[in-house]
Amino acid sequence: MFSIPVKNLFNSKAAVKCVIIPWMVACLILSTAFQSGLREELLFPKYEKGLQTISDLVTDNVVIYSSMNLSKMALGLPRLNKNIMLKSNAEMKNMMKSPDYSGVYTFPFLQKTVGNRKQPPKKKFLMSDEPLLTGHGVYIFRKNSPYLDRINTIIMRQRENGIFSRMNAIASTENAQPYGTVSVDQKITVFHLVGVFTIHLFGILLALIILFMEIGHLGIINCLEFS
């Protein structure tokens, strides 16, 4: 018969040292690298470097109605510009019904519903990594704003190249609609899920490698006693 002194290996300190800490470190390193590469390659293509933040759209030709949260997230101030006005949800919905404005409503991640006048979207979508705008809320532009066509052009390029774009369509100046539509490219979504799974898999494998190294270091394998 033989015996293995494994009880020391699986106490709380050994478990933290051998498994939990390496797994957390590996996942953190790999996820950071993956997300950085994903954002650089998919969210910020070269041809739209000049249009990444809300401040790029703030001109005399653009009026944006949004919430206090958007203002704080964009520039850390309650007021961005004389053309940006803080309105309640009810006031913004009334503005979007006006024929003089065309608007964009944003949705939660992976939610593919489309809002309309009878059933407006109930939730809002956090666009912290959106390549066109930063922040979250409702974006309303004047119908004669040149930025509507410019944004539409960029979004169409994204769709043609299979680039991740959460704003799938924006009302154009010629055919303004009260709400825009939001969707997520399914290919990129699957790619992201596979990447997250791979990150955790590498973390587990690295933790197992370190675990076996610790087993050898503790001399457990050499402690086999045959009788």
C-alpha atoms as a PDB file:
ATOM      1  CA  MET A   1       0.000   0.000   0.000  1.00  0.00           C
ATOM      2  CA  PHE A   2       1.072   3.581  -0.449  1.00  0.00           C
ATOM      3  CA  SER A   3      -0.040   6.918   0.909  1.00  0.00           C
ATOM      4  CA  ILE A   4       0.083  10.460  -0.489  1.00  0.00           C
ATOM      5  CA  PRO A   5       0.099  13.407   1.936  1.00  0.00           C
ATOM      6  CA  VAL A   6      -2.322  15.465  -0.125  1.00  0.00           C
ATOM      7  CA  LYS A   7      -4.075  17.181   2.759  1.00  0.00           C
ATOM      8  CA  ASN A   8      -1.410  19.880   2.902  1.00  0.00           C
ATOM      9  CA  LEU A   9      -1.874  20.602  -0.798  1.00  0.00           C
ATOM     10  CA  PHE A  10      -5.572  21.289  -0.568  1.00  0.00           C
ATOM     11  CA  ASN A  11      -5.637  23.528   2.476  1.00  0.00           C
ATOM     12  CA  SER A  12      -6.796  27.124   1.960  1.00  0.00           C
ATOM     13  CA  LYS A  13      -3.364  28.719   1.559  1.00  0.00           C
ATOM     14  CA  ALA A  14      -2.127  26.117  -0.902  1.00  0.00           C
ATOM     15  CA  ALA A  15      -5.305  26.358  -2.975  1.00  0.00           C
ATOM     16  CA  VAL A  16      -5.010  30.124  -3.212  1.00  0.00           C
ATOM     17  CA  LYS A  17      -1.315  29.913  -4.055  1.00  0.00           C
ATOM     18  CA  CYS A  18      -1.601  27.132  -6.622  1.00  0.00           C
ATOM     19  CA  VAL A  19      -4.917  27.727  -8.355  1.00  0.00           C
ATOM     20  CA  ILE A  20      -6.873  30.865  -7.597  1.00  0.00           C
ATOM     21  CA  ILE A  21      -4.136  33.496  -7.874  1.00  0.00           C
ATOM     22  CA  PRO A  22      -2.553  32.117 -11.099  1.00  0.00           C
ATOM     23  CA  TRP A  23      -5.986  31.738 -12.691  1.00  0.00           C
ATOM     24  CA  MET A  24      -6.953  35.334 -11.858  1.00  0.00           C
ATOM     25  CA  VAL A  25      -3.622  36.727 -13.073  1.00  0.00           C
ATOM     26  CA  ALA A  26      -3.741  34.759 -16.315  1.00  0.00           C
ATOM     27  CA  CYS A  27      -7.322  35.791 -17.061  1.00  0.00           C
ATOM     28  CA  LEU A  28      -6.519  39.427 -16.315  1.00  0.00           C
ATOM     29  CA  ILE A  29      -3.468  39.522 -18.587  1.00  0.00           C
ATOM     30  CA  LEU A  30      -5.073  37.652 -21.467  1.00  0.00           C
ATOM     31  CA  SER A  31      -8.390  39.495 -21.282  1.00  0.00           C
ATOM     32  CA  THR A  32      -6.617  42.865 -21.277  1.00  0.00           C
ATOM     33  CA  ALA A  33      -4.582  41.919 -24.331  1.00  0.00           C
ATOM     34  CA  PHE A  34      -7.608  40.518 -26.130  1.00  0.00           C
ATOM     35  CA  GLN A  35      -9.830  43.500 -25.419  1.00  0.00           C
ATOM     36  CA  SER A  36      -7.103  45.942 -26.453  1.00  0.00           C
ATOM     37  CA  GLY A  37      -6.623  44.127 -29.742  1.00  0.00           C
ATOM     38  CA  LEU A  38     -10.354  43.883 -30.307  1.00  0.00           C
ATOM     39  CA  ARG A  39     -10.908  47.580 -29.720  1.00  0.00           C
ATOM     40  CA  GLU A  40      -7.986  48.573 -31.915  1.00  0.00           C
ATOM     41  CA  GLU A  41      -8.848  46.311 -34.839  1.00  0.00           C
ATOM     42  CA  LEU A  42     -12.642  46.352 -34.773  1.00  0.00           C
ATOM     43  CA  LEU A  43     -13.844  49.467 -32.984  1.00  0.00           C
ATOM     44  CA  PHE A  44     -11.385  52.039 -34.273  1.00  0.00           C
ATOM     45  CA  PRO A  45     -10.669  51.489 -37.967  1.00  0.00           C
ATOM     46  CA  LYS A  46      -8.226  53.892 -39.556  1.00  0.00           C
ATOM     47  CA  TYR A  47     -10.715  55.732 -41.748  1.00  0.00           C
ATOM     48  CA  GLU A  48     -12.758  57.015 -38.798  1.00  0.00           C
ATOM     49  CA  LYS A  49      -9.985  58.219 -36.504  1.00  0.00           C
ATOM     50  CA  GLY A  50     -11.337  61.742 -36.704  1.00  0.00           C
ATOM     51  CA  LEU A  51     -14.794  60.832 -35.424  1.00  0.00           C
ATOM     52  CA  GLN A  52     -14.514  58.941 -32.151  1.00  0.00           C
ATOM     53  CA  THR A  53     -15.995  61.133 -29.434  1.00  0.00           C
ATOM     54  CA  ILE A  54     -19.062  63.210 -28.813  1.00  0.00           C
ATOM     55  CA  SER A  55     -16.952  66.377 -28.924  1.00  0.00           C
ATOM     56  CA  ASP A  56     -16.199  65.715 -32.602  1.00  0.00           C
ATOM     57  CA  LEU A  57     -19.895  66.206 -33.331  1.00  0.00           C
ATOM     58  CA  VAL A  58     -20.383  69.359 -31.289  1.00  0.00           C
ATOM     59  CA  THR A  59     -20.598  72.190 -33.786  1.00  0.00           C
ATOM     60  CA  ASP A  60     -23.043  74.923 -34.630  1.00  0.00           C
ATOM     61  CA  ASN A  61     -24.780  72.524 -37.023  1.00  0.00           C
ATOM     62  CA  VAL A  62     -25.541  69.834 -34.454  1.00  0.00           C
ATOM     63  CA  VAL A  63     -27.940  69.913 -31.540  1.00  0.00           C
ATOM     64  CA  ILE A  64     -27.749  66.992 -29.152  1.00  0.00           C
ATOM     65  CA  TYR A  65     -30.355  66.372 -26.484  1.00  0.00           C
ATOM     66  CA  SER A  66     -29.093  64.009 -23.872  1.00  0.00           C
ATOM     67  CA  SER A  67     -28.939  63.199 -20.178  1.00  0.00           C
ATOM     68  CA  MET A  68     -26.675  64.400 -17.394  1.00  0.00           C
ATOM     69  CA  ASN A  69     -24.901  61.031 -17.462  1.00  0.00           C
ATOM     70  CA  LEU A  70     -23.805  61.534 -21.067  1.00  0.00           C
ATOM     71  CA  SER A  71     -22.424  64.973 -20.310  1.00  0.00           C
ATOM     72  CA  LYS A  72     -20.418  63.740 -17.356  1.00  0.00           C
ATOM     73  CA  MET A  73     -19.100  60.761 -19.260  1.00  0.00           C
ATOM     74  CA  ALA A  74     -18.085  62.787 -22.293  1.00  0.00           C
ATOM     75  CA  LEU A  75     -16.224  65.699 -20.749  1.00  0.00           C
ATOM     76  CA  GLY A  76     -16.913  65.573 -17.027  1.00  0.00           C
ATOM     77  CA  LEU A  77     -19.064  68.697 -17.152  1.00  0.00           C
ATOM     78  CA  PRO A  78     -22.833  69.179 -16.826  1.00  0.00           C
ATOM     79  CA  ARG A  79     -22.829  71.282 -19.991  1.00  0.00           C
ATOM     80  CA  LEU A  80     -20.713  70.486 -23.015  1.00  0.00           C
ATOM     81  CA  ASN A  81     -21.660  73.264 -25.337  1.00  0.00           C
ATOM     82  CA  LYS A  82     -24.412  75.771 -25.998  1.00  0.00           C
ATOM     83  CA  ASN A  83     -25.778  73.318 -28.556  1.00  0.00           C
ATOM     84  CA  ILE A  84     -26.093  70.472 -26.063  1.00  0.00           C
ATOM     85  CA  MET A  85     -29.169  70.661 -23.865  1.00  0.00           C
ATOM     86  CA  LEU A  86     -30.075  68.487 -20.908  1.00  0.00           C
ATOM     87  CA  LYS A  87     -33.643  67.268 -21.206  1.00  0.00           C
ATOM     88  CA  SER A  88     -35.853  64.750 -19.468  1.00  0.00           C
ATOM     89  CA  ASN A  89     -36.891  61.539 -21.218  1.00  0.00           C
ATOM     90  CA  ALA A  90     -40.360  62.926 -21.907  1.00  0.00           C
ATOM     91  CA  GLU A  91     -38.956  66.103 -23.429  1.00  0.00           C
ATOM     92  CA  MET A  92     -36.555  64.131 -25.604  1.00  0.00           C
ATOM     93  CA  LYS A  93     -39.331  61.858 -26.854  1.00  0.00           C
ATOM     94  CA  ASN A  94     -41.393  64.900 -27.809  1.00  0.00           C
ATOM     95  CA  MET A  95     -38.435  66.321 -29.696  1.00  0.00           C
ATOM     96  CA  MET A  96     -37.994  63.066 -31.590  1.00  0.00           C
ATOM     97  CA  LYS A  97     -41.600  63.232 -32.774  1.00  0.00           C
ATOM     98  CA  SER A  98     -40.995  66.640 -34.286  1.00  0.00           C
ATOM     99  CA  PRO A  99     -40.614  66.682 -38.091  1.00  0.00           C
ATOM    100  CA  ASP A 100     -37.748  69.145 -37.719  1.00  0.00           C
ATOM    101  CA  TYR A 101     -35.470  66.648 -36.030  1.00  0.00           C
ATOM    102  CA  SER A 102     -34.147  63.187 -36.744  1.00  0.00           C
ATOM    103  CA  GLY A 103     -32.905  61.126 -33.860  1.00  0.00           C
ATOM    104  CA  VAL A 104     -31.006  58.064 -32.818  1.00  0.00           C
ATOM    105  CA  TYR A 105     -32.205  55.887 -29.952  1.00  0.00           C
ATOM    106  CA  THR A 106     -29.712  53.480 -28.426  1.00  0.00           C
ATOM    107  CA  PHE A 107     -30.418  50.089 -26.910  1.00  0.00           C
ATOM    108  CA  PRO A 108     -28.846  47.624 -24.468  1.00  0.00           C
ATOM    109  CA  PHE A 109     -26.074  45.328 -25.663  1.00  0.00           C
ATOM    110  CA  LEU A 110     -27.363  42.481 -27.865  1.00  0.00           C
ATOM    111  CA  GLN A 111     -30.947  43.734 -27.735  1.00  0.00           C
ATOM    112  CA  LYS A 112     -32.188  43.855 -31.327  1.00  0.00           C
ATOM    113  CA  THR A 113     -35.585  45.470 -30.852  1.00  0.00           C
ATOM    114  CA  VAL A 114     -36.444  48.646 -32.720  1.00  0.00           C
ATOM    115  CA  GLY A 115     -38.270  51.496 -31.064  1.00  0.00           C
ATOM    116  CA  ASN A 116     -41.185  53.335 -32.585  1.00  0.00           C
ATOM    117  CA  ARG A 117     -43.689  55.971 -31.575  1.00  0.00           C
ATOM    118  CA  LYS A 118     -46.206  53.504 -30.160  1.00  0.00           C
ATOM    119  CA  GLN A 119     -43.673  51.371 -28.327  1.00  0.00           C
ATOM    120  CA  PRO A 120     -40.537  53.384 -27.570  1.00  0.00           C
ATOM    121  CA  PRO A 121     -37.512  51.481 -26.271  1.00  0.00           C
ATOM    122  CA  LYS A 122     -37.594  51.033 -22.525  1.00  0.00           C
ATOM    123  CA  LYS A 123     -33.854  50.784 -21.957  1.00  0.00           C
ATOM    124  CA  LYS A 124     -30.783  52.636 -23.094  1.00  0.00           C
ATOM    125  CA  PHE A 125     -27.518  51.264 -24.341  1.00  0.00           C
ATOM    126  CA  LEU A 126     -24.158  52.035 -22.739  1.00  0.00           C
ATOM    127  CA  MET A 127     -21.926  53.114 -25.601  1.00  0.00           C
ATOM    128  CA  SER A 128     -18.646  53.444 -23.738  1.00  0.00           C
ATOM    129  CA  ASP A 129     -16.704  51.763 -26.554  1.00  0.00           C
ATOM    130  CA  GLU A 130     -18.790  52.996 -29.466  1.00  0.00           C
ATOM    131  CA  PRO A 131     -16.432  54.343 -32.162  1.00  0.00           C
ATOM    132  CA  LEU A 132     -18.771  57.154 -33.162  1.00  0.00           C
ATOM    133  CA  LEU A 133     -20.010  58.541 -29.873  1.00  0.00           C
ATOM    134  CA  THR A 134     -19.090  58.174 -26.234  1.00  0.00           C
ATOM    135  CA  GLY A 135     -21.653  58.087 -23.484  1.00  0.00           C
ATOM    136  CA  HIS A 136     -25.199  56.864 -23.496  1.00  0.00           C
ATOM    137  CA  GLY A 137     -28.646  58.264 -24.068  1.00  0.00           C
ATOM    138  CA  VAL A 138     -30.617  59.712 -26.936  1.00  0.00           C
ATOM    139  CA  TYR A 139     -28.938  61.631 -29.715  1.00  0.00           C
ATOM    140  CA  ILE A 140     -31.015  64.078 -31.732  1.00  0.00           C
ATOM    141  CA  PHE A 141     -29.645  65.938 -34.730  1.00  0.00           C
ATOM    142  CA  ARG A 142     -31.116  68.661 -36.872  1.00  0.00           C
ATOM    143  CA  LYS A 143     -32.382  67.388 -40.191  1.00  0.00           C
ATOM    144  CA  ASN A 144     -30.095  69.746 -42.078  1.00  0.00           C
ATOM    145  CA  SER A 145     -27.022  68.602 -40.158  1.00  0.00           C
ATOM    146  CA  PRO A 146     -24.237  67.440 -42.500  1.00  0.00           C
ATOM    147  CA  TYR A 147     -23.135  64.968 -39.832  1.00  0.00           C
ATOM    148  CA  LEU A 148     -26.110  62.685 -40.447  1.00  0.00           C
ATOM    149  CA  ASP A 149     -24.899  61.747 -43.907  1.00  0.00           C
ATOM    150  CA  ARG A 150     -21.316  61.589 -42.705  1.00  0.00           C
ATOM    151  CA  ILE A 151     -22.173  59.153 -39.915  1.00  0.00           C
ATOM    152  CA  ASN A 152     -24.337  57.100 -42.240  1.00  0.00           C
ATOM    153  CA  THR A 153     -21.420  56.785 -44.645  1.00  0.00           C
ATOM    154  CA  ILE A 154     -19.095  55.566 -41.902  1.00  0.00           C
ATOM    155  CA  ILE A 155     -21.632  53.056 -40.613  1.00  0.00           C
ATOM    156  CA  MET A 156     -22.192  51.689 -44.106  1.00  0.00           C
ATOM    157  CA  ARG A 157     -18.427  51.217 -44.453  1.00  0.00           C
ATOM    158  CA  GLN A 158     -18.405  49.370 -41.158  1.00  0.00           C
ATOM    159  CA  ARG A 159     -21.159  47.038 -42.285  1.00  0.00           C
ATOM    160  CA  GLU A 160     -19.498  46.382 -45.643  1.00  0.00           C
ATOM    161  CA  ASN A 161     -16.239  45.454 -43.917  1.00  0.00           C
ATOM    162  CA  GLY A 162     -17.936  43.401 -41.198  1.00  0.00           C
ATOM    163  CA  ILE A 163     -16.793  45.773 -38.490  1.00  0.00           C
ATOM    164  CA  PHE A 164     -18.541  45.798 -35.134  1.00  0.00           C
ATOM    165  CA  SER A 165     -21.159  48.547 -35.154  1.00  0.00           C
ATOM    166  CA  ARG A 166     -23.935  48.879 -32.618  1.00  0.00           C
ATOM    167  CA  MET A 167     -25.672  51.623 -34.534  1.00  0.00           C
ATOM    168  CA  ASN A 168     -26.890  49.868 -37.630  1.00  0.00           C
ATOM    169  CA  ALA A 169     -28.762  52.767 -39.193  1.00  0.00           C
ATOM    170  CA  ILE A 170     -29.284  56.450 -38.589  1.00  0.00           C
ATOM    171  CA  ALA A 171     -32.005  58.618 -40.033  1.00  0.00           C
ATOM    172  CA  SER A 172     -30.753  60.436 -43.104  1.00  0.00           C
ATOM    173  CA  THR A 173     -31.449  64.036 -44.017  1.00  0.00           C
ATOM    174  CA  GLU A 174     -33.635  63.062 -46.959  1.00  0.00           C
ATOM    175  CA  ASN A 175     -35.813  60.484 -45.199  1.00  0.00           C
ATOM    176  CA  ALA A 176     -35.790  61.308 -41.503  1.00  0.00           C
ATOM    177  CA  GLN A 177     -37.334  58.789 -39.114  1.00  0.00           C
ATOM    178  CA  PRO A 178     -38.238  59.310 -35.461  1.00  0.00           C
ATOM    179  CA  TYR A 179     -35.976  56.468 -34.334  1.00  0.00           C
ATOM    180  CA  GLY A 180     -32.834  54.819 -35.562  1.00  0.00           C
ATOM    181  CA  THR A 181     -32.174  51.088 -35.290  1.00  0.00           C
ATOM    182  CA  VAL A 182     -29.492  49.350 -33.305  1.00  0.00           C
ATOM    183  CA  SER A 183     -28.107  45.860 -33.771  1.00  0.00           C
ATOM    184  CA  VAL A 184     -24.959  43.836 -33.209  1.00  0.00           C
ATOM    185  CA  ASP A 185     -22.964  42.029 -35.856  1.00  0.00           C
ATOM    186  CA  GLN A 186     -23.477  38.339 -35.062  1.00  0.00           C
ATOM    187  CA  LYS A 187     -20.062  37.336 -36.399  1.00  0.00           C
ATOM    188  CA  ILE A 188     -18.254  39.676 -34.069  1.00  0.00           C
ATOM    189  CA  THR A 189     -20.456  38.613 -31.175  1.00  0.00           C
ATOM    190  CA  VAL A 190     -19.500  34.955 -31.668  1.00  0.00           C
ATOM    191  CA  PHE A 191     -15.869  35.979 -32.082  1.00  0.00           C
ATOM    192  CA  HIS A 192     -16.009  37.850 -28.790  1.00  0.00           C
ATOM    193  CA  LEU A 193     -17.574  34.895 -26.965  1.00  0.00           C
ATOM    194  CA  VAL A 194     -14.954  32.522 -28.369  1.00  0.00           C
ATOM    195  CA  GLY A 195     -12.249  34.929 -27.264  1.00  0.00           C
ATOM    196  CA  VAL A 196     -13.601  35.108 -23.728  1.00  0.00           C
ATOM    197  CA  PHE A 197     -13.843  31.293 -23.580  1.00  0.00           C
ATOM    198  CA  THR A 198     -10.259  30.987 -24.830  1.00  0.00           C
ATOM    199  CA  ILE A 199      -9.057  33.443 -22.205  1.00  0.00           C
ATOM    200  CA  HIS A 200     -10.567  31.412 -19.388  1.00  0.00           C
ATOM    201  CA  LEU A 201      -9.272  28.173 -20.901  1.00  0.00           C
ATOM    202  CA  PHE A 202      -5.726  29.517 -20.983  1.00  0.00           C
ATOM    203  CA  GLY A 203      -6.154  30.711 -17.418  1.00  0.00           C
ATOM    204  CA  ILE A 204      -7.229  27.262 -16.265  1.00  0.00           C
ATOM    205  CA  LEU A 205      -4.380  25.549 -18.140  1.00  0.00           C
ATOM    206  CA  LEU A 206      -1.835  27.940 -16.678  1.00  0.00           C
ATOM    207  CA  ALA A 207      -3.239  27.340 -13.217  1.00  0.00           C
ATOM    208  CA  LEU A 208      -2.959  23.564 -13.703  1.00  0.00           C
ATOM    209  CA  ILE A 209       0.645  23.866 -14.881  1.00  0.00           C
ATOM    210  CA  ILE A 210       1.575  25.897 -11.828  1.00  0.00           C
ATOM    211  CA  LEU A 211      -0.349  23.450  -9.653  1.00  0.00           C
ATOM    212  CA  PHE A 212       1.697  20.494 -10.907  1.00  0.00           C
ATOM    213  CA  MET A 213       4.881  22.507 -10.488  1.00  0.00           C
ATOM    214  CA  GLU A 214       3.892  23.141  -6.894  1.00  0.00           C
ATOM    215  CA  ILE A 215       3.202  19.429  -6.419  1.00  0.00           C
ATOM    216  CA  GLY A 216       6.720  18.613  -7.569  1.00  0.00           C
ATOM    217  CA  HIS A 217       8.175  21.417  -5.472  1.00  0.00           C
ATOM    218  CA  LEU A 218       6.482  20.158  -2.336  1.00  0.00           C
ATOM    219  CA  GLY A 219       7.941  16.734  -2.952  1.00  0.00           C
ATOM    220  CA  ILE A 220       4.593  14.996  -2.877  1.00  0.00           C
ATOM    221  CA  ILE A 221       5.482  12.721  -5.758  1.00  0.00           C
ATOM    222  CA  ASN A 222       8.658  11.705  -3.948  1.00  0.00           C
ATOM    223  CA  CYS A 223       6.702  11.029  -0.808  1.00  0.00           C
ATOM    224  CA  LEU A 224       5.087   7.873  -2.165  1.00  0.00           C
ATOM    225  CA  GLU A 225       5.760   5.130   0.269  1.00  0.00           C
ATOM    226  CA  PHE A 226       5.246   1.586  -0.839  1.00  0.00           C
ATOM    227  CA  SER A 227       4.757  -1.043   1.729  1.00  0.00           C
END
